[in-house]
Amino acid sequence: MFVPFRSTFLVIAALTGSSVAPAQVNPNAAPMPAAEWTPLPDAPVEQLLQQNVDPLAPAPEAESATVQSPDDTIEPGETLAETVAKLRSSDPGSRELECLAGAIYFESKSESLSGQLAVGHVIANRAASGRFPSSYCGVVYQRSQFSFVRGHSMPYIPRASQDWKDAVAIAKIVDEKLHPSPMGKALFFHARRVSPGWRMSRVGTLGNHIFYR
């Protein structure tokens, strides 16, 4: 049987060609993004090699400046409540602030923000007085000073609670001296329901606490 040369050529071409069907073209498909590339540095390669710099390494990214959110900025003249609202957090950020916030929480969480601030400042005043340990934790864990302390630990604190977040904010305010104490340089306080008979200078009463120096 005679097969024309042109037909033979077409059969051979078909047998040797790819068996994969061509991709379907969708006119509505989004174009493929171009592959990312990093341009080479402008400095000569010889100069980069002398500086132990890989000419093919990607250029270092510029460090972005940390921008503080305007909502977190403490403005002069803010009320205590406004400052507390900006500093509320479940994480004090350090062991010292943890001790200070813990004392504020257990001693005054049922008090007003001013009452909590006064209690927090008593801890700070003691640490700065030279008459007590020089750290917040040292003051808080000093023997026979705070009834909530059990050995060298605190009871469980529900850290998601509003009371704890308020205590953390007050601790930061005391530590950063953002608001002065309403009870001045007081070093001692006790609940109004008790009468320990202390022979000290009475500073004042705030909420359910009486403060002394």
C-alpha atoms as a PDB file:
ATOM      1  CA  MET A   1       0.000   0.000   0.000  1.00  0.00           C
ATOM      2  CA  PHE A   2       1.414   3.355  -1.000  1.00  0.00           C
ATOM      3  CA  VAL A   3       1.367   6.110   1.627  1.00  0.00           C
ATOM      4  CA  PRO A   4       2.113   9.615   0.441  1.00  0.00           C
ATOM      5  CA  PHE A   5       5.275  11.176   1.874  1.00  0.00           C
ATOM      6  CA  ARG A   6       3.369  14.093   3.435  1.00  0.00           C
ATOM      7  CA  SER A   7       1.041  11.706   5.331  1.00  0.00           C
ATOM      8  CA  THR A   8       4.014   9.700   6.591  1.00  0.00           C
ATOM      9  CA  PHE A   9       5.632  12.861   7.901  1.00  0.00           C
ATOM     10  CA  LEU A  10       2.482  13.882   9.762  1.00  0.00           C
ATOM     11  CA  VAL A  11       2.151  10.438  11.396  1.00  0.00           C
ATOM     12  CA  ILE A  12       5.773  10.530  12.605  1.00  0.00           C
ATOM     13  CA  ALA A  13       5.324  14.030  13.971  1.00  0.00           C
ATOM     14  CA  ALA A  14       2.214  13.011  15.869  1.00  0.00           C
ATOM     15  CA  LEU A  15       3.922   9.960  17.395  1.00  0.00           C
ATOM     16  CA  THR A  16       6.959  11.921  18.603  1.00  0.00           C
ATOM     17  CA  GLY A  17       5.040  14.919  19.933  1.00  0.00           C
ATOM     18  CA  SER A  18       3.966  15.580  23.540  1.00  0.00           C
ATOM     19  CA  SER A  19       0.994  13.600  24.772  1.00  0.00           C
ATOM     20  CA  VAL A  20       0.022  16.404  27.224  1.00  0.00           C
ATOM     21  CA  ALA A  21      -2.957  18.414  26.147  1.00  0.00           C
ATOM     22  CA  PRO A  22      -2.374  22.158  25.844  1.00  0.00           C
ATOM     23  CA  ALA A  23      -3.496  24.338  28.798  1.00  0.00           C
ATOM     24  CA  GLN A  24      -6.959  25.796  28.482  1.00  0.00           C
ATOM     25  CA  VAL A  25      -6.979  29.587  28.186  1.00  0.00           C
ATOM     26  CA  ASN A  26      -9.496  31.391  30.376  1.00  0.00           C
ATOM     27  CA  PRO A  27      -9.939  34.986  29.214  1.00  0.00           C
ATOM     28  CA  ASN A  28     -11.359  35.905  32.638  1.00  0.00           C
ATOM     29  CA  ALA A  29      -8.439  34.487  34.649  1.00  0.00           C
ATOM     30  CA  ALA A  30      -6.254  36.888  36.588  1.00  0.00           C
ATOM     31  CA  PRO A  31      -2.698  37.241  35.231  1.00  0.00           C
ATOM     32  CA  MET A  32       0.052  35.366  37.068  1.00  0.00           C
ATOM     33  CA  PRO A  33       2.097  37.664  39.298  1.00  0.00           C
ATOM     34  CA  ALA A  34       5.637  38.326  38.242  1.00  0.00           C
ATOM     35  CA  ALA A  35       8.267  36.503  40.246  1.00  0.00           C
ATOM     36  CA  GLU A  36       9.921  38.672  42.886  1.00  0.00           C
ATOM     37  CA  TRP A  37      13.551  39.596  42.388  1.00  0.00           C
ATOM     38  CA  THR A  38      16.159  41.505  44.302  1.00  0.00           C
ATOM     39  CA  PRO A  39      18.397  43.874  42.346  1.00  0.00           C
ATOM     40  CA  LEU A  40      22.131  43.497  42.815  1.00  0.00           C
ATOM     41  CA  PRO A  41      23.871  46.215  44.830  1.00  0.00           C
ATOM     42  CA  ASP A  42      25.348  49.113  42.916  1.00  0.00           C
ATOM     43  CA  ALA A  43      28.813  48.666  44.414  1.00  0.00           C
ATOM     44  CA  PRO A  44      31.329  46.754  42.240  1.00  0.00           C
ATOM     45  CA  VAL A  45      31.570  43.057  42.959  1.00  0.00           C
ATOM     46  CA  GLU A  46      35.307  43.332  43.713  1.00  0.00           C
ATOM     47  CA  GLN A  47      34.656  45.974  46.374  1.00  0.00           C
ATOM     48  CA  LEU A  48      31.918  43.854  47.989  1.00  0.00           C
ATOM     49  CA  LEU A  49      34.155  40.796  48.054  1.00  0.00           C
ATOM     50  CA  GLN A  50      36.888  42.824  49.778  1.00  0.00           C
ATOM     51  CA  GLN A  51      34.329  43.805  52.434  1.00  0.00           C
ATOM     52  CA  ASN A  52      33.253  40.152  52.889  1.00  0.00           C
ATOM     53  CA  VAL A  53      29.822  41.018  51.512  1.00  0.00           C
ATOM     54  CA  ASP A  54      27.989  38.508  49.365  1.00  0.00           C
ATOM     55  CA  PRO A  55      27.032  40.399  46.187  1.00  0.00           C
ATOM     56  CA  LEU A  56      24.109  38.013  45.636  1.00  0.00           C
ATOM     57  CA  ALA A  57      22.703  38.355  49.176  1.00  0.00           C
ATOM     58  CA  PRO A  58      19.418  40.268  49.483  1.00  0.00           C
ATOM     59  CA  ALA A  59      19.753  43.868  50.576  1.00  0.00           C
ATOM     60  CA  PRO A  60      18.989  44.303  54.306  1.00  0.00           C
ATOM     61  CA  GLU A  61      15.597  45.774  55.067  1.00  0.00           C
ATOM     62  CA  ALA A  62      15.492  49.117  56.783  1.00  0.00           C
ATOM     63  CA  GLU A  63      14.471  48.878  60.419  1.00  0.00           C
ATOM     64  CA  SER A  64      11.068  50.331  60.937  1.00  0.00           C
ATOM     65  CA  ALA A  65      10.720  52.777  63.802  1.00  0.00           C
ATOM     66  CA  THR A  66       8.396  51.706  66.577  1.00  0.00           C
ATOM     67  CA  VAL A  67       5.456  54.064  66.614  1.00  0.00           C
ATOM     68  CA  GLN A  68       3.580  54.332  69.871  1.00  0.00           C
ATOM     69  CA  SER A  69      -0.148  54.310  69.475  1.00  0.00           C
ATOM     70  CA  PRO A  70      -1.669  57.692  70.319  1.00  0.00           C
ATOM     71  CA  ASP A  71      -4.243  55.884  72.479  1.00  0.00           C
ATOM     72  CA  ASP A  72      -1.429  54.643  74.779  1.00  0.00           C
ATOM     73  CA  THR A  73       0.239  58.032  75.231  1.00  0.00           C
ATOM     74  CA  ILE A  74      -0.119  59.440  78.725  1.00  0.00           C
ATOM     75  CA  GLU A  75      -0.946  63.122  78.443  1.00  0.00           C
ATOM     76  CA  PRO A  76      -0.267  65.668  81.213  1.00  0.00           C
ATOM     77  CA  GLY A  77      -3.362  66.519  83.192  1.00  0.00           C
ATOM     78  CA  GLU A  78      -5.127  63.209  82.584  1.00  0.00           C
ATOM     79  CA  THR A  79      -7.340  61.957  85.364  1.00  0.00           C
ATOM     80  CA  LEU A  80      -6.409  58.818  87.254  1.00  0.00           C
ATOM     81  CA  ALA A  81      -9.273  56.946  85.602  1.00  0.00           C
ATOM     82  CA  GLU A  82      -8.063  57.957  82.120  1.00  0.00           C
ATOM     83  CA  THR A  83      -4.520  56.800  82.872  1.00  0.00           C
ATOM     84  CA  VAL A  84      -5.740  53.505  84.315  1.00  0.00           C
ATOM     85  CA  ALA A  85      -7.845  52.894  81.202  1.00  0.00           C
ATOM     86  CA  LYS A  86      -4.742  53.218  79.016  1.00  0.00           C
ATOM     87  CA  LEU A  87      -2.484  51.038  81.167  1.00  0.00           C
ATOM     88  CA  ARG A  88      -4.801  48.132  81.987  1.00  0.00           C
ATOM     89  CA  SER A  89      -3.163  44.785  81.270  1.00  0.00           C
ATOM     90  CA  SER A  90      -3.112  41.237  82.558  1.00  0.00           C
ATOM     91  CA  ASP A  91       0.704  41.182  82.381  1.00  0.00           C
ATOM     92  CA  PRO A  92       2.656  43.501  84.719  1.00  0.00           C
ATOM     93  CA  GLY A  93       5.809  42.989  82.668  1.00  0.00           C
ATOM     94  CA  SER A  94       8.266  42.284  85.488  1.00  0.00           C
ATOM     95  CA  ARG A  95       8.504  40.427  88.790  1.00  0.00           C
ATOM     96  CA  GLU A  96       8.760  43.686  90.751  1.00  0.00           C
ATOM     97  CA  LEU A  97       5.571  45.053  89.213  1.00  0.00           C
ATOM     98  CA  GLU A  98       3.959  41.659  89.781  1.00  0.00           C
ATOM     99  CA  CYS A  99       4.661  42.009  93.507  1.00  0.00           C
ATOM    100  CA  LEU A 100       3.396  45.580  93.597  1.00  0.00           C
ATOM    101  CA  ALA A 101       0.247  44.772  91.617  1.00  0.00           C
ATOM    102  CA  GLY A 102      -0.393  41.730  93.820  1.00  0.00           C
ATOM    103  CA  ALA A 103      -0.303  43.839  96.976  1.00  0.00           C
ATOM    104  CA  ILE A 104      -2.635  46.396  95.422  1.00  0.00           C
ATOM    105  CA  TYR A 105      -5.000  43.648  94.305  1.00  0.00           C
ATOM    106  CA  PHE A 106      -5.241  41.754  97.585  1.00  0.00           C
ATOM    107  CA  GLU A 107      -5.204  44.784  99.878  1.00  0.00           C
ATOM    108  CA  SER A 108      -7.467  47.158  97.973  1.00  0.00           C
ATOM    109  CA  LYS A 109      -9.237  45.660  94.947  1.00  0.00           C
ATOM    110  CA  SER A 110     -12.590  46.655  96.467  1.00  0.00           C
ATOM    111  CA  GLU A 111     -11.431  50.268  96.945  1.00  0.00           C
ATOM    112  CA  SER A 112     -11.705  53.199  94.572  1.00  0.00           C
ATOM    113  CA  LEU A 113      -8.864  53.835  92.134  1.00  0.00           C
ATOM    114  CA  SER A 114      -7.589  56.551  94.491  1.00  0.00           C
ATOM    115  CA  GLY A 115      -7.663  54.086  97.370  1.00  0.00           C
ATOM    116  CA  GLN A 116      -5.708  51.558  95.324  1.00  0.00           C
ATOM    117  CA  LEU A 117      -3.230  54.262  94.341  1.00  0.00           C
ATOM    118  CA  ALA A 118      -2.677  55.160  98.007  1.00  0.00           C
ATOM    119  CA  VAL A 119      -1.980  51.511  98.891  1.00  0.00           C
ATOM    120  CA  GLY A 120       0.418  51.155  95.970  1.00  0.00           C
ATOM    121  CA  HIS A 121       2.309  54.244  97.047  1.00  0.00           C
ATOM    122  CA  VAL A 122       2.708  52.851 100.569  1.00  0.00           C
ATOM    123  CA  ILE A 123       4.675  49.947  99.026  1.00  0.00           C
ATOM    124  CA  ALA A 124       6.781  52.358  96.964  1.00  0.00           C
ATOM    125  CA  ASN A 125       7.320  54.695  99.930  1.00  0.00           C
ATOM    126  CA  ARG A 126       8.582  51.799 102.031  1.00  0.00           C
ATOM    127  CA  ALA A 127      10.985  50.650  99.308  1.00  0.00           C
ATOM    128  CA  ALA A 128      12.423  54.188  99.087  1.00  0.00           C
ATOM    129  CA  SER A 129      12.516  54.907 102.827  1.00  0.00           C
ATOM    130  CA  GLY A 130      15.611  53.002 103.883  1.00  0.00           C
ATOM    131  CA  ARG A 131      13.616  51.532 106.778  1.00  0.00           C
ATOM    132  CA  PHE A 132      12.286  48.592 104.765  1.00  0.00           C
ATOM    133  CA  PRO A 133      13.643  46.344 101.993  1.00  0.00           C
ATOM    134  CA  SER A 134      14.600  48.361  98.930  1.00  0.00           C
ATOM    135  CA  SER A 135      12.447  46.509  96.372  1.00  0.00           C
ATOM    136  CA  TYR A 136       8.711  46.051  95.933  1.00  0.00           C
ATOM    137  CA  CYS A 137       9.004  42.284  96.336  1.00  0.00           C
ATOM    138  CA  GLY A 138      11.171  42.701  99.420  1.00  0.00           C
ATOM    139  CA  VAL A 139       8.559  44.986 100.993  1.00  0.00           C
ATOM    140  CA  VAL A 140       5.614  42.769 100.081  1.00  0.00           C
ATOM    141  CA  TYR A 141       7.222  39.535 101.281  1.00  0.00           C
ATOM    142  CA  GLN A 142       8.726  40.968 104.457  1.00  0.00           C
ATOM    143  CA  ARG A 143       7.632  38.774 107.316  1.00  0.00           C
ATOM    144  CA  SER A 144       4.439  39.684 109.187  1.00  0.00           C
ATOM    145  CA  GLN A 145       3.627  42.731 107.072  1.00  0.00           C
ATOM    146  CA  PHE A 146       0.817  41.666 104.723  1.00  0.00           C
ATOM    147  CA  SER A 147      -1.729  39.074 105.753  1.00  0.00           C
ATOM    148  CA  PHE A 148      -2.437  37.828 102.211  1.00  0.00           C
ATOM    149  CA  VAL A 149       1.130  36.500 101.836  1.00  0.00           C
ATOM    150  CA  ARG A 150       1.459  32.754 102.379  1.00  0.00           C
ATOM    151  CA  GLY A 151       5.089  31.902 103.003  1.00  0.00           C
ATOM    152  CA  HIS A 152       6.769  33.410  99.963  1.00  0.00           C
ATOM    153  CA  SER A 153       3.881  33.307  97.530  1.00  0.00           C
ATOM    154  CA  MET A 154       0.526  34.872  96.791  1.00  0.00           C
ATOM    155  CA  PRO A 155      -2.845  33.196  96.469  1.00  0.00           C
ATOM    156  CA  TYR A 156      -4.304  32.521  93.042  1.00  0.00           C
ATOM    157  CA  ILE A 157      -5.082  35.627  90.964  1.00  0.00           C
ATOM    158  CA  PRO A 158      -7.691  35.537  88.161  1.00  0.00           C
ATOM    159  CA  ARG A 159      -5.627  37.451  85.636  1.00  0.00           C
ATOM    160  CA  ALA A 160      -8.455  38.002  83.178  1.00  0.00           C
ATOM    161  CA  SER A 161     -10.467  39.902  85.791  1.00  0.00           C
ATOM    162  CA  GLN A 162     -10.998  43.659  85.659  1.00  0.00           C
ATOM    163  CA  ASP A 163      -9.761  44.001  89.261  1.00  0.00           C
ATOM    164  CA  TRP A 164      -6.385  42.486  88.385  1.00  0.00           C
ATOM    165  CA  LYS A 165      -5.985  44.623  85.262  1.00  0.00           C
ATOM    166  CA  ASP A 166      -6.771  47.715  87.318  1.00  0.00           C
ATOM    167  CA  ALA A 167      -4.171  46.672  89.899  1.00  0.00           C
ATOM    168  CA  VAL A 168      -1.574  46.239  87.152  1.00  0.00           C
ATOM    169  CA  ALA A 169      -2.372  49.708  85.808  1.00  0.00           C
ATOM    170  CA  ILE A 170      -2.109  51.245  89.280  1.00  0.00           C
ATOM    171  CA  ALA A 171       1.237  49.492  89.835  1.00  0.00           C
ATOM    172  CA  LYS A 172       2.600  51.008  86.620  1.00  0.00           C
ATOM    173  CA  ILE A 173       1.300  54.435  87.612  1.00  0.00           C
ATOM    174  CA  VAL A 174       3.006  54.186  91.013  1.00  0.00           C
ATOM    175  CA  ASP A 175       6.256  52.888  89.542  1.00  0.00           C
ATOM    176  CA  GLU A 176       6.403  55.593  86.868  1.00  0.00           C
ATOM    177  CA  LYS A 177       5.214  58.324  89.273  1.00  0.00           C
ATOM    178  CA  LEU A 178       2.406  59.321  86.932  1.00  0.00           C
ATOM    179  CA  HIS A 179       0.051  60.340  89.758  1.00  0.00           C
ATOM    180  CA  PRO A 180       1.029  61.332  93.308  1.00  0.00           C
ATOM    181  CA  SER A 181      -0.304  59.516  96.318  1.00  0.00           C
ATOM    182  CA  PRO A 182      -3.460  61.006  97.834  1.00  0.00           C
ATOM    183  CA  MET A 183      -1.978  60.001 101.208  1.00  0.00           C
ATOM    184  CA  GLY A 184       1.431  61.595 100.758  1.00  0.00           C
ATOM    185  CA  LYS A 185       4.394  59.742 102.260  1.00  0.00           C
ATOM    186  CA  ALA A 186       2.342  57.259 104.288  1.00  0.00           C
ATOM    187  CA  LEU A 187       4.209  54.080 105.250  1.00  0.00           C
ATOM    188  CA  PHE A 188       1.436  52.151 107.014  1.00  0.00           C
ATOM    189  CA  PHE A 189      -2.283  51.534 106.670  1.00  0.00           C
ATOM    190  CA  HIS A 190      -4.960  49.344 108.201  1.00  0.00           C
ATOM    191  CA  ALA A 191      -8.647  48.690 107.666  1.00  0.00           C
ATOM    192  CA  ARG A 192     -11.062  50.992 109.463  1.00  0.00           C
ATOM    193  CA  ARG A 193     -12.782  48.025 111.081  1.00  0.00           C
ATOM    194  CA  VAL A 194      -9.731  47.305 113.279  1.00  0.00           C
ATOM    195  CA  SER A 195      -7.947  49.391 115.932  1.00  0.00           C
ATOM    196  CA  PRO A 196      -4.311  48.288 116.277  1.00  0.00           C
ATOM    197  CA  GLY A 197      -3.493  51.226 118.591  1.00  0.00           C
ATOM    198  CA  TRP A 198      -0.522  52.394 116.536  1.00  0.00           C
ATOM    199  CA  ARG A 199       1.391  55.357 117.994  1.00  0.00           C
ATOM    200  CA  MET A 200       2.136  56.941 114.651  1.00  0.00           C
ATOM    201  CA  SER A 201       1.294  60.139 112.842  1.00  0.00           C
ATOM    202  CA  ARG A 202      -2.065  59.715 111.179  1.00  0.00           C
ATOM    203  CA  VAL A 203      -2.026  60.961 107.581  1.00  0.00           C
ATOM    204  CA  GLY A 204      -5.675  60.483 106.692  1.00  0.00           C
ATOM    205  CA  THR A 205      -8.535  58.159 105.825  1.00  0.00           C
ATOM    206  CA  LEU A 206      -9.424  57.071 102.327  1.00  0.00           C
ATOM    207  CA  GLY A 207     -12.161  54.556 101.657  1.00  0.00           C
ATOM    208  CA  ASN A 208     -11.888  51.712 104.125  1.00  0.00           C
ATOM    209  CA  HIS A 209      -8.258  52.382 105.074  1.00  0.00           C
ATOM    210  CA  ILE A 210      -6.519  54.661 107.569  1.00  0.00           C
ATOM    211  CA  PHE A 211      -2.968  55.742 106.640  1.00  0.00           C
ATOM    212  CA  TYR A 212      -0.037  56.598 108.919  1.00  0.00           C
ATOM    213  CA  ARG A 213       3.603  57.663 108.830  1.00  0.00           C
END
